[in-house]
Amino acid sequence: MPKPKKRGSNHQRGAGPEVDEEATQEDLEYKLKGFIDLTLDKSAKTRQAALESLKSAFSSKILYEFIMERRMTLTDSIERCIKKGKSDEQCAAAGLACLLCVQMGSGIESEEIFKTLGPVLKKIVCDGTASIQARQACATCLGICCFIVTDDITELYSTMECLENIFMKAYQRDRDTNGVSSTHNTVLHVSALLAWTLLLTICPMNEVKKKIEMHLNKLPSLLSCDDLNMRIAAGETLALLFELARETDADFFYEDMDLLTEKLRALATDGNKHRAKVDKRKQRSVFRDVLRAVEERDFPTEMVKFGPERMYIDCWVKKQTYETFKEILGSGMQYHLQSNDFLRNVFELGPPVMLDAATLKTMKISRFERHLYNSAAFKARTKARKTMERPSLEFNLPDTHEEGKLYVVDSLNNLNKLNVCPAESQHSLDEEENTGGTGESMTRINTRNQCLFFITFILTLIISLALVSFVIFLIFQTRNEVDQISSRLLSEKKNIEELKKLNNIILKHLNQSRIKEKPSDLYDLPLYSLYAKIKVPGE
């Protein structure tokens, strides 16, 4: 009997992926609710683990609706953790506050969050008794949240002043000592300087001019700091200040340009042996770009790929903004660039591009196709290099043309497999491929013979070296055995001589003992025997 069909099976089969996606979203939201509840737990480790889990989810997903419903609960939890938690918990809470504002974007809800958390963050940043790590995280959070949500210019200036009071202490150390030495507060100064630089990019031009006049003559002193991150932060800030100054005034002139370029060139070519190779490589790479920006007003354009889209970073303002959000979002930066409306507005990417899974799959290039494309490009580079290296007097135009035909045919074959070259182009070159087949086969035969000869020569050389090494090994082994036998014979000869000496000594001793024993024997004989032995003369 045929089995009865299940009711709704066609509907479930057609909507399978959507149902799975909804179920996955529900599971994620259920877990996030549990993590939000755990942020109020009594255990500090449990609260910190919950904060880290929420950070991971917020950096890898867009959860606007879920967060919108629970934004006040999240804000209260973050505020409580920053106020009452210890160093690690405060750092995790500050990072979660940044991601919360990134998810919400610029709006009234984000302003309410910043009004609640802003005073708490400023208090921790200015508190000298708090841990350096917590103050550093709060300084970064303060700058990013203010960048996202602040429309009030007075709040922007107040936040920048708070950050200025932190990193300007590095200037004071420079006045007290020759150069700037790194201390435990250096990481805090670096974070405050970078957050201040981020906020400077959204200031009005008249305020930018004031800040440039205030800091442009003081920032070069930080280039001599012992800490690598401080030197890099100061260099990038200088490049950004020069870029903003030249945007406001095309004829901008800096008095100490020669001294500054000398410092930057020294850092761009630093070869100090006391520094790690990784640090030197990173420093030289950054300060080469900074030197080009200061001297030549040039910026090396960078391209960022995310999905099917591309973003070009062509100025220091854009680079500073991108690096700041990349540090917060980590591996989720590409996903947020594709889907986060706020970040797309910041980088002027327009509305998100909606592509289904099938379209994304067709846009991907397989490994085999990528290999064929790379091989064709490699042949093109090799051909161009040989043409450039060949002397002009030795050019043979017919031969060059034939070789060019062979190369073009081979490259177009590969590109045709990639579906890059149309079928008509391949068909038009079939005749050239057939005419050049004989010369190509002869070239392959010659190449194969040369390879066989080379391989045979190498094998013969290896075998001869192996035989020579074996003979040398036997010689050394035989010499060692002969030396051992000769040493044994010498030792036995010495033993025999010693035995002879002992024998002579024993014999001498025995002879002496016999001579001493003979007189005593005469006294022991009886008298009649003694008389018998005495002979009377004449008898």
Protein backbone atom coordinates (compact mmCIF):
# COMPACT_ATOMS: atom_id res chain seq x y z
CA MET A 1 0.00 0.00 0.00
CA PRO A 2 1.30 3.46 -0.73
CA LYS A 3 2.13 5.49 2.32
CA PRO A 4 -0.11 8.48 3.02
CA LYS A 5 1.46 11.86 2.42
CA LYS A 6 2.24 13.97 5.45
CA ARG A 7 0.21 17.13 5.76
CA GLY A 8 2.19 20.25 5.10
CA SER A 9 5.30 18.39 3.88
CA ASN A 10 5.57 20.46 0.70
CA HIS A 11 5.29 23.67 2.66
CA GLN A 12 7.96 22.60 5.11
CA ARG A 13 10.25 21.47 2.31
CA GLY A 14 9.90 24.77 0.48
CA ALA A 15 10.39 26.92 3.57
CA GLY A 16 13.15 24.83 5.12
CA PRO A 17 15.98 27.40 5.06
CA GLU A 18 13.71 30.16 6.37
CA VAL A 19 12.50 27.97 9.23
CA ASP A 20 16.08 27.03 10.10
CA GLU A 21 17.14 30.68 10.05
CA GLU A 22 14.27 31.68 12.32
CA ALA A 23 15.06 28.84 14.71
CA THR A 24 18.72 29.86 14.81
CA GLN A 25 17.75 33.47 15.51
CA GLU A 26 15.44 32.39 18.32
CA ASP A 27 18.16 30.24 19.88
CA LEU A 28 20.61 33.14 19.70
CA GLU A 29 18.17 35.56 21.32
CA TYR A 30 17.40 33.03 24.05
CA LYS A 31 21.11 32.71 24.84
CA LEU A 32 21.57 36.49 24.80
CA LYS A 33 18.71 36.91 27.28
CA GLY A 34 20.48 34.50 29.59
CA PHE A 35 23.74 36.44 29.25
CA ILE A 36 21.96 39.72 30.03
CA ASP A 37 20.55 38.17 33.21
CA LEU A 38 24.01 36.89 34.16
CA THR A 39 25.44 40.42 34.06
CA LEU A 40 23.63 40.93 37.40
CA ASP A 41 25.13 37.81 38.99
CA LYS A 42 27.00 38.03 42.30
CA SER A 43 30.12 36.33 40.92
CA ALA A 44 32.55 38.69 39.18
CA LYS A 45 33.80 35.92 36.87
CA THR A 46 30.25 35.10 35.79
CA ARG A 47 29.50 38.75 35.04
CA GLN A 48 32.72 39.13 33.06
CA ALA A 49 32.04 35.96 31.05
CA ALA A 50 28.52 37.20 30.25
CA LEU A 51 29.89 40.57 29.10
CA GLU A 52 32.45 38.89 26.85
CA SER A 53 29.76 36.66 25.32
CA LEU A 54 27.56 39.67 24.60
CA LYS A 55 30.54 41.45 23.02
CA SER A 56 31.18 38.48 20.74
CA ALA A 57 27.54 38.38 19.63
CA PHE A 58 27.26 42.14 19.07
CA SER A 59 30.45 42.25 16.99
CA SER A 60 29.41 39.40 14.67
CA LYS A 61 25.66 40.04 14.20
CA ILE A 62 23.26 42.90 13.57
CA LEU A 63 20.77 42.76 16.48
CA TYR A 64 19.07 46.16 16.29
CA GLU A 65 15.52 45.05 17.19
CA PHE A 66 16.65 42.79 20.01
CA ILE A 67 18.83 45.53 21.52
CA MET A 68 16.16 48.21 21.05
CA GLU A 69 13.79 46.31 23.33
CA ARG A 70 16.43 45.81 26.04
CA ARG A 71 18.63 48.89 25.71
CA MET A 72 17.78 50.26 29.15
CA THR A 73 18.51 46.92 30.83
CA LEU A 74 21.83 46.67 29.01
CA THR A 75 22.70 50.27 29.88
CA ASP A 76 21.99 49.70 33.58
CA SER A 77 24.06 46.50 33.60
CA ILE A 78 27.01 48.23 31.90
CA GLU A 79 26.81 51.18 34.29
CA ARG A 80 26.77 48.89 37.32
CA CYS A 81 29.73 46.85 36.05
CA ILE A 82 31.80 49.98 35.33
CA LYS A 83 31.04 51.51 38.73
CA LYS A 84 31.41 48.47 40.98
CA GLY A 85 33.50 46.02 38.96
CA LYS A 86 37.23 45.53 38.94
CA SER A 87 39.72 46.06 36.13
CA ASP A 88 38.82 43.19 33.76
CA GLU A 89 35.09 43.60 34.29
CA GLN A 90 35.32 47.35 33.66
CA CYS A 91 37.24 46.76 30.41
CA ALA A 92 34.63 44.24 29.21
CA ALA A 93 31.77 46.59 30.12
CA ALA A 94 33.41 49.53 28.30
CA GLY A 95 33.90 47.40 25.19
CA LEU A 96 30.25 46.30 25.31
CA ALA A 97 29.16 49.94 25.59
CA CYS A 98 31.06 50.73 22.36
CA LEU A 99 29.40 47.84 20.53
CA LEU A 100 26.00 48.84 21.91
CA CYS A 101 26.36 52.32 20.39
CA VAL A 102 27.65 50.85 17.10
CA GLN A 103 24.57 48.62 16.92
CA MET A 104 22.15 51.45 17.72
CA GLY A 105 23.81 54.02 15.47
CA SER A 106 23.26 57.76 15.75
CA GLY A 107 19.83 58.52 17.16
CA ILE A 108 17.84 59.50 20.22
CA GLU A 109 18.24 56.07 21.82
CA SER A 110 22.03 56.23 21.53
CA GLU A 111 22.04 59.74 23.00
CA GLU A 112 20.14 58.46 26.02
CA ILE A 113 22.71 55.69 26.46
CA PHE A 114 25.59 58.16 26.26
CA LYS A 115 23.93 60.57 28.70
CA THR A 116 23.81 57.71 31.20
CA LEU A 117 27.27 56.27 30.60
CA GLY A 118 29.21 59.43 29.66
CA PRO A 119 29.66 60.84 33.20
CA VAL A 120 30.64 57.40 34.53
CA LEU A 121 33.25 56.96 31.79
CA LYS A 122 34.72 60.43 32.39
CA LYS A 123 34.93 59.74 36.11
CA ILE A 124 36.88 56.50 35.56
CA VAL A 125 39.19 58.14 33.00
CA CYS A 126 40.10 60.97 35.39
CA ASP A 127 40.32 58.74 38.48
CA GLY A 128 44.00 58.24 39.31
CA THR A 129 43.22 55.38 41.71
CA ALA A 130 41.53 53.22 39.04
CA SER A 131 43.54 50.63 37.11
CA ILE A 132 45.33 51.74 33.95
CA GLN A 133 43.59 49.08 31.84
CA ALA A 134 40.14 50.26 32.95
CA ARG A 135 41.01 53.92 32.32
CA GLN A 136 42.40 53.02 28.89
CA ALA A 137 39.24 51.09 27.91
CA CYS A 138 36.99 53.88 29.21
CA ALA A 139 38.95 56.52 27.27
CA THR A 140 38.51 54.57 24.03
CA CYS A 141 34.82 53.97 24.79
CA LEU A 142 34.29 57.65 25.58
CA GLY A 143 35.76 58.75 22.26
CA ILE A 144 33.86 56.20 20.14
CA CYS A 145 30.48 56.74 21.83
CA CYS A 146 30.85 60.50 21.56
CA PHE A 147 31.78 60.14 17.87
CA ILE A 148 28.65 58.06 17.21
CA VAL A 149 25.91 59.81 19.17
CA THR A 150 26.90 63.41 19.93
CA ASP A 151 25.06 66.16 18.09
CA ASP A 152 25.63 68.70 20.86
CA ILE A 153 28.82 70.63 20.12
CA THR A 154 29.35 71.51 23.78
CA GLU A 155 29.37 67.83 24.75
CA LEU A 156 31.90 67.17 21.98
CA TYR A 157 34.21 69.92 23.25
CA SER A 158 33.82 68.72 26.84
CA THR A 159 34.80 65.17 25.90
CA MET A 160 37.81 66.37 23.89
CA GLU A 161 38.94 68.51 26.82
CA CYS A 162 38.72 65.51 29.14
CA LEU A 163 40.89 63.45 26.78
CA GLU A 164 43.32 66.35 26.26
CA ASN A 165 43.93 66.58 29.99
CA ILE A 166 45.06 62.96 29.92
CA PHE A 167 47.51 62.83 27.02
CA MET A 168 48.90 66.35 27.55
CA LYS A 169 50.66 65.00 30.66
CA ALA A 170 53.13 63.40 28.26
CA TYR A 171 54.11 66.94 27.16
CA GLN A 172 54.81 67.85 30.79
CA ARG A 173 57.15 64.88 31.19
CA ASP A 174 58.97 66.05 28.08
CA ARG A 175 59.61 69.48 29.65
CA ASP A 176 60.94 67.87 32.82
CA THR A 177 63.30 65.39 31.11
CA ASN A 178 65.24 65.09 27.89
CA GLY A 179 62.90 63.02 25.76
CA VAL A 180 59.84 61.07 26.85
CA SER A 181 60.29 57.84 28.76
CA SER A 182 57.57 55.22 28.73
CA THR A 183 55.74 54.63 32.01
CA HIS A 184 52.77 52.59 33.11
CA ASN A 185 50.54 55.54 32.07
CA THR A 186 51.78 55.51 28.47
CA VAL A 187 49.06 53.10 27.29
CA LEU A 188 46.45 55.45 28.75
CA HIS A 189 48.00 58.44 26.98
CA VAL A 190 48.02 56.53 23.67
CA SER A 191 44.32 55.61 23.95
CA ALA A 192 43.37 59.15 24.94
CA LEU A 193 45.36 60.62 22.03
CA LEU A 194 43.76 58.28 19.47
CA ALA A 195 40.24 58.92 20.83
CA TRP A 196 40.88 62.68 20.74
CA THR A 197 42.12 62.41 17.15
CA LEU A 198 38.95 60.55 16.17
CA LEU A 199 36.78 63.32 17.63
CA LEU A 200 38.90 65.98 15.92
CA THR A 201 37.79 64.63 12.52
CA ILE A 202 34.18 65.74 13.17
CA CYS A 203 34.97 69.16 14.69
CA PRO A 204 34.14 72.42 12.91
CA MET A 205 36.99 74.01 10.98
CA ASN A 206 37.47 76.92 13.38
CA GLU A 207 37.93 74.48 16.27
CA VAL A 208 40.29 72.38 14.14
CA LYS A 209 42.49 75.45 13.57
CA LYS A 210 42.66 76.10 17.32
CA LYS A 211 43.64 72.51 18.07
CA ILE A 212 46.30 72.52 15.35
CA GLU A 213 47.86 75.69 16.77
CA MET A 214 47.78 74.19 20.26
CA HIS A 215 49.25 70.74 19.54
CA LEU A 216 51.22 70.82 16.29
CA ASN A 217 54.35 72.19 17.98
CA LYS A 218 54.11 69.81 20.96
CA LEU A 219 53.34 66.49 19.28
CA PRO A 220 56.82 66.06 17.69
CA SER A 221 58.28 65.66 21.19
CA LEU A 222 56.33 62.39 21.56
CA LEU A 223 58.22 60.92 18.60
CA SER A 224 61.19 60.31 20.90
CA CYS A 225 59.17 58.24 23.39
CA ASP A 226 60.47 54.79 24.30
CA ASP A 227 57.09 53.18 23.65
CA LEU A 228 56.45 52.10 20.04
CA ASN A 229 52.68 52.62 20.20
CA MET A 230 53.14 56.17 21.44
CA ARG A 231 55.55 56.99 18.60
CA ILE A 232 53.16 55.54 16.02
CA ALA A 233 50.12 57.31 17.52
CA ALA A 234 51.99 60.63 17.56
CA GLY A 235 53.17 60.16 13.95
CA GLU A 236 49.70 59.29 12.63
CA THR A 237 48.17 62.21 14.54
CA LEU A 238 50.75 64.57 13.01
CA ALA A 239 49.91 63.31 9.52
CA LEU A 240 46.20 63.84 10.19
CA LEU A 241 46.80 67.35 11.56
CA PHE A 242 48.82 68.30 8.48
CA GLU A 243 46.05 66.93 6.26
CA LEU A 244 43.35 68.93 8.07
CA ALA A 245 45.53 72.06 8.12
CA ARG A 246 46.09 71.89 4.36
CA GLU A 247 42.37 71.37 3.78
CA THR A 248 41.57 74.55 5.70
CA ASP A 249 44.49 76.51 4.23
CA ALA A 250 46.12 75.41 0.97
CA ASP A 251 49.17 77.62 1.72
CA PHE A 252 49.71 76.21 5.20
CA PHE A 253 53.34 76.60 6.33
CA TYR A 254 55.01 74.91 9.29
CA GLU A 255 58.08 76.66 10.66
CA ASP A 256 60.03 73.66 11.97
CA MET A 257 59.43 71.52 8.88
CA ASP A 258 63.11 70.62 8.43
CA LEU A 259 63.51 69.41 12.01
CA LEU A 260 60.25 67.44 11.85
CA THR A 261 61.09 65.75 8.55
CA GLU A 262 64.51 64.85 9.91
CA LYS A 263 62.89 63.11 12.90
CA LEU A 264 60.38 61.32 10.70
CA ARG A 265 63.08 60.19 8.27
CA ALA A 266 65.16 58.84 11.16
CA LEU A 267 62.18 56.82 12.39
CA ALA A 268 61.38 55.63 8.86
CA THR A 269 64.93 54.26 8.49
CA ASP A 270 65.53 53.21 12.09
CA GLY A 271 68.03 50.36 12.47
CA ASN A 272 68.49 50.33 16.24
CA LYS A 273 69.73 46.88 17.25
CA HIS A 274 68.22 47.14 20.71
CA ARG A 275 64.68 47.04 19.30
CA ALA A 276 62.82 43.96 18.13
CA LYS A 277 62.70 43.27 14.40
CA VAL A 278 58.90 43.24 14.36
CA ASP A 279 58.77 46.64 16.06
CA LYS A 280 61.33 48.12 13.67
CA ARG A 281 59.47 46.77 10.65
CA LYS A 282 56.15 48.16 11.86
CA GLN A 283 57.66 51.54 12.75
CA ARG A 284 59.42 51.93 9.39
CA SER A 285 56.26 51.04 7.50
CA VAL A 286 54.12 53.59 9.37
CA PHE A 287 56.60 56.45 9.31
CA ARG A 288 57.33 56.06 5.61
CA ASP A 289 53.67 56.88 5.01
CA VAL A 290 53.75 59.70 7.58
CA LEU A 291 56.84 61.21 5.96
CA ARG A 292 55.19 61.12 2.53
CA ALA A 293 52.09 62.81 3.97
CA VAL A 294 54.09 65.60 5.63
CA GLU A 295 56.60 66.20 2.83
CA GLU A 296 54.75 65.34 -0.38
CA ARG A 297 51.09 65.63 0.72
CA ASP A 298 50.60 62.08 -0.50
CA PHE A 299 48.66 59.16 0.97
CA PRO A 300 49.06 55.51 -0.16
CA THR A 301 45.56 54.40 -1.10
CA GLU A 302 44.42 51.15 0.51
CA MET A 303 41.60 48.88 -0.62
CA VAL A 304 39.36 46.96 1.80
CA LYS A 305 37.31 44.04 0.47
CA PHE A 306 34.10 42.95 2.14
CA GLY A 307 31.87 40.57 0.22
CA PRO A 308 31.30 41.78 -3.34
CA GLU A 309 32.09 45.41 -2.41
CA ARG A 310 35.31 47.41 -2.22
CA MET A 311 36.18 50.44 -0.13
CA TYR A 312 39.15 52.71 -0.84
CA ILE A 313 40.90 54.45 2.06
CA ASP A 314 42.46 57.52 0.48
CA CYS A 315 43.08 59.92 3.39
CA TRP A 316 44.28 59.91 6.98
CA VAL A 317 40.86 60.87 8.37
CA LYS A 318 39.29 57.80 6.80
CA LYS A 319 42.20 55.61 7.88
CA GLN A 320 41.96 56.77 11.50
CA THR A 321 38.21 56.11 11.58
CA TYR A 322 38.57 52.68 9.98
CA GLU A 323 41.36 51.57 12.33
CA THR A 324 39.38 52.67 15.40
CA PHE A 325 36.25 50.71 14.51
CA LYS A 326 38.30 47.74 13.34
CA GLU A 327 39.92 47.53 16.77
CA ILE A 328 36.48 47.44 18.41
CA LEU A 329 34.71 45.07 16.00
CA GLY A 330 37.65 42.77 15.26
CA SER A 331 36.77 40.03 12.78
CA GLY A 332 33.19 41.35 12.51
CA MET A 333 34.32 44.55 10.76
CA GLN A 334 33.61 43.20 7.27
CA TYR A 335 30.13 42.01 8.24
CA HIS A 336 29.25 45.39 9.75
CA LEU A 337 30.57 47.21 6.68
CA GLN A 338 28.12 45.17 4.61
CA SER A 339 25.07 45.46 6.88
CA ASN A 340 25.46 48.26 9.45
CA ASP A 341 23.73 51.43 8.24
CA PHE A 342 25.70 53.68 10.57
CA LEU A 343 29.13 52.49 9.40
CA ARG A 344 28.04 52.64 5.76
CA ASN A 345 27.01 56.26 6.29
CA VAL A 346 30.32 57.06 8.00
CA PHE A 347 32.34 55.64 5.09
CA GLU A 348 29.87 56.88 2.43
CA LEU A 349 29.07 53.40 1.10
CA GLY A 350 25.37 53.99 0.52
CA PRO A 351 22.57 51.59 1.49
CA PRO A 352 23.44 47.92 2.04
CA VAL A 353 23.64 45.72 -1.04
CA MET A 354 21.11 42.90 -0.73
CA LEU A 355 22.38 39.68 -2.31
CA ASP A 356 20.98 36.20 -1.84
CA ALA A 357 23.09 33.13 -1.12
CA ALA A 358 22.92 31.86 -4.72
CA THR A 359 24.29 35.13 -6.11
CA LEU A 360 27.12 35.17 -3.59
CA LYS A 361 27.99 31.59 -4.48
CA THR A 362 28.18 32.35 -8.20
CA MET A 363 30.46 35.32 -7.53
CA LYS A 364 33.06 33.17 -5.80
CA ILE A 365 35.98 31.87 -7.87
CA SER A 366 36.99 28.25 -7.42
CA ARG A 367 40.53 27.24 -6.58
CA PHE A 368 41.13 25.70 -10.02
CA GLU A 369 39.97 28.83 -11.83
CA ARG A 370 42.15 30.98 -9.59
CA HIS A 371 45.11 28.70 -10.37
CA LEU A 372 44.55 29.03 -14.13
CA TYR A 373 44.28 32.80 -13.87
CA ASN A 374 47.50 33.01 -11.83
CA SER A 375 49.37 30.79 -14.29
CA ALA A 376 48.28 32.98 -17.21
CA ALA A 377 49.38 36.10 -15.35
CA PHE A 378 52.71 34.46 -14.50
CA LYS A 379 53.35 33.65 -18.16
CA ALA A 380 52.56 37.22 -19.11
CA ARG A 381 55.04 38.58 -16.56
CA THR A 382 57.72 36.12 -17.68
CA LYS A 383 57.24 37.04 -21.33
CA ALA A 384 57.43 40.75 -20.58
CA ARG A 385 60.54 40.28 -18.44
CA LYS A 386 62.34 38.30 -21.16
CA THR A 387 61.45 40.92 -23.74
CA MET A 388 62.84 43.70 -21.55
CA GLU A 389 66.07 41.81 -20.78
CA ARG A 390 66.82 40.88 -24.41
CA PRO A 391 69.35 43.26 -26.09
CA SER A 392 67.99 45.44 -28.87
CA LEU A 393 70.61 44.20 -31.39
CA GLU A 394 69.59 40.58 -30.95
CA PHE A 395 65.91 41.07 -31.70
CA ASN A 396 64.61 38.64 -34.27
CA LEU A 397 61.16 39.80 -35.24
CA PRO A 398 59.89 36.57 -36.91
CA ASP A 399 60.98 34.41 -33.95
CA THR A 400 59.52 36.87 -31.48
CA HIS A 401 56.25 36.82 -33.38
CA GLU A 402 56.10 33.02 -33.34
CA GLU A 403 56.86 32.87 -29.62
CA GLY A 404 54.22 35.54 -29.06
CA LYS A 405 51.70 33.40 -30.91
CA LEU A 406 52.47 30.38 -28.76
CA TYR A 407 52.19 32.42 -25.57
CA VAL A 408 48.93 34.10 -26.63
CA VAL A 409 47.39 30.76 -27.60
CA ASP A 410 48.38 29.17 -24.29
CA SER A 411 47.15 32.11 -22.23
CA LEU A 412 43.84 32.32 -24.08
CA ASN A 413 43.28 28.61 -23.58
CA ASN A 414 43.61 29.08 -19.83
CA LEU A 415 41.41 32.17 -19.84
CA ASN A 416 38.81 30.32 -21.93
CA LYS A 417 38.62 27.70 -19.17
CA LEU A 418 38.02 30.56 -16.76
CA ASN A 419 35.08 31.73 -18.92
CA VAL A 420 36.89 35.06 -19.21
CA CYS A 421 37.76 34.74 -22.90
CA PRO A 422 34.80 34.19 -25.28
CA ALA A 423 34.63 31.15 -27.53
CA GLU A 424 35.10 33.25 -30.69
CA SER A 425 38.55 34.41 -29.56
CA GLN A 426 39.61 30.83 -28.93
CA HIS A 427 38.29 29.67 -32.32
CA SER A 428 40.12 32.46 -34.12
CA LEU A 429 43.45 31.28 -32.73
CA ASP A 430 43.06 27.54 -33.41
CA GLU A 431 44.92 27.83 -36.73
CA GLU A 432 47.86 29.62 -35.10
CA GLU A 433 47.99 26.93 -32.45
CA ASN A 434 48.12 24.18 -35.11
CA THR A 435 50.84 25.92 -37.14
CA GLY A 436 52.98 26.47 -34.07
CA GLY A 437 52.46 22.93 -32.75
CA THR A 438 55.56 21.46 -34.44
CA GLY A 439 57.95 24.05 -33.07
CA GLU A 440 56.40 23.75 -29.65
CA SER A 441 56.76 19.94 -29.66
CA MET A 442 60.44 20.21 -30.65
CA THR A 443 61.02 22.70 -27.88
CA ARG A 444 59.36 20.37 -25.40
CA ILE A 445 61.51 17.41 -26.57
CA ASN A 446 64.70 19.44 -26.19
CA THR A 447 63.63 20.61 -22.78
CA ARG A 448 62.79 17.05 -21.76
CA ASN A 449 66.20 15.78 -22.93
CA GLN A 450 67.96 18.51 -21.01
CA CYS A 451 65.98 17.64 -17.91
CA LEU A 452 66.81 13.93 -18.25
CA PHE A 453 70.52 14.69 -18.70
CA PHE A 454 70.49 16.99 -15.72
CA ILE A 455 68.70 14.41 -13.55
CA THR A 456 71.11 11.64 -14.64
CA PHE A 457 74.10 13.84 -13.88
CA ILE A 458 72.75 14.67 -10.43
CA LEU A 459 72.04 10.98 -9.66
CA THR A 460 75.55 9.98 -10.78
CA LEU A 461 77.07 12.69 -8.66
CA ILE A 462 75.05 11.62 -5.63
CA ILE A 463 76.03 7.94 -6.04
CA SER A 464 79.73 8.79 -6.45
CA LEU A 465 79.64 10.99 -3.37
CA ALA A 466 77.96 8.18 -1.44
CA LEU A 467 80.67 5.68 -2.49
CA VAL A 468 83.49 8.06 -1.61
CA SER A 469 81.96 8.76 1.76
CA PHE A 470 81.58 4.99 2.38
CA VAL A 471 85.26 4.36 1.53
CA ILE A 472 86.34 7.18 3.81
CA PHE A 473 84.21 5.70 6.55
CA LEU A 474 85.86 2.28 6.11
CA ILE A 475 89.33 3.83 6.23
CA PHE A 476 88.57 5.63 9.45
CA GLN A 477 87.00 2.50 10.92
CA THR A 478 90.06 0.33 10.04
CA ARG A 479 92.44 2.93 11.43
CA ASN A 480 90.55 2.96 14.70
CA GLU A 481 90.72 -0.83 14.99
CA VAL A 482 94.49 -0.88 14.23
CA ASP A 483 95.06 1.77 16.87
CA GLN A 484 93.14 -0.29 19.40
CA ILE A 485 95.18 -3.47 18.63
CA SER A 486 98.51 -1.63 18.86
CA SER A 487 97.50 -0.10 22.18
CA ARG A 488 96.60 -3.55 23.50
CA LEU A 489 99.98 -5.00 22.39
CA LEU A 490 101.86 -2.19 24.09
CA SER A 491 99.95 -2.71 27.30
CA GLU A 492 100.64 -6.49 27.24
CA LYS A 493 104.35 -5.88 26.59
CA LYS A 494 104.51 -3.61 29.61
CA ASN A 495 102.79 -6.26 31.71
CA ILE A 496 105.31 -8.93 30.61
CA GLU A 497 108.26 -6.69 31.50
CA GLU A 498 106.78 -6.01 34.89
CA LEU A 499 106.30 -9.75 35.46
CA LYS A 500 109.96 -10.38 34.55
CA LYS A 501 111.09 -7.77 37.04
CA LEU A 502 108.96 -9.36 39.72
CA ASN A 503 110.42 -12.80 38.91
CA ASN A 504 113.99 -11.51 39.25
CA ILE A 505 113.18 -9.89 42.57
CA ILE A 506 111.65 -13.12 43.87
CA LEU A 507 114.69 -15.18 42.78
CA LYS A 508 117.10 -12.80 44.48
CA HIS A 509 115.07 -12.95 47.63
CA LEU A 510 115.08 -16.76 47.60
CA ASN A 511 118.87 -16.93 47.09
CA GLN A 512 119.52 -14.61 49.98
CA SER A 513 117.23 -16.59 52.24
CA ARG A 514 119.09 -19.88 51.43
CA ILE A 515 122.50 -18.44 52.28
CA LYS A 516 121.24 -17.29 55.63
CA GLU A 517 119.71 -20.67 56.46
CA LYS A 518 122.98 -22.80 55.95
CA PRO A 519 124.91 -21.85 59.23
CA SER A 520 121.95 -22.70 61.37
CA ASP A 521 121.86 -26.18 59.85
CA LEU A 522 125.45 -26.90 61.08
CA TYR A 523 124.55 -26.25 64.69
CA ASP A 524 121.64 -28.58 64.54
CA LEU A 525 123.72 -31.71 63.52
CA PRO A 526 124.82 -34.26 66.30
CA LEU A 527 128.39 -34.28 67.53
CA TYR A 528 129.37 -37.69 66.16
CA SER A 529 128.36 -36.68 62.72
CA LEU A 530 130.37 -33.53 63.14
CA TYR A 531 133.45 -35.47 64.12
CA ALA A 532 132.97 -37.82 61.28
CA LYS A 533 132.97 -34.99 58.86
CA ILE A 534 136.21 -33.54 60.27
CA LYS A 535 139.18 -35.14 58.63
CA VAL A 536 142.50 -35.39 60.49
CA PRO A 537 145.42 -34.53 58.30
CA GLY A 538 147.53 -37.52 57.48
CA GLU A 539 144.79 -40.06 57.91
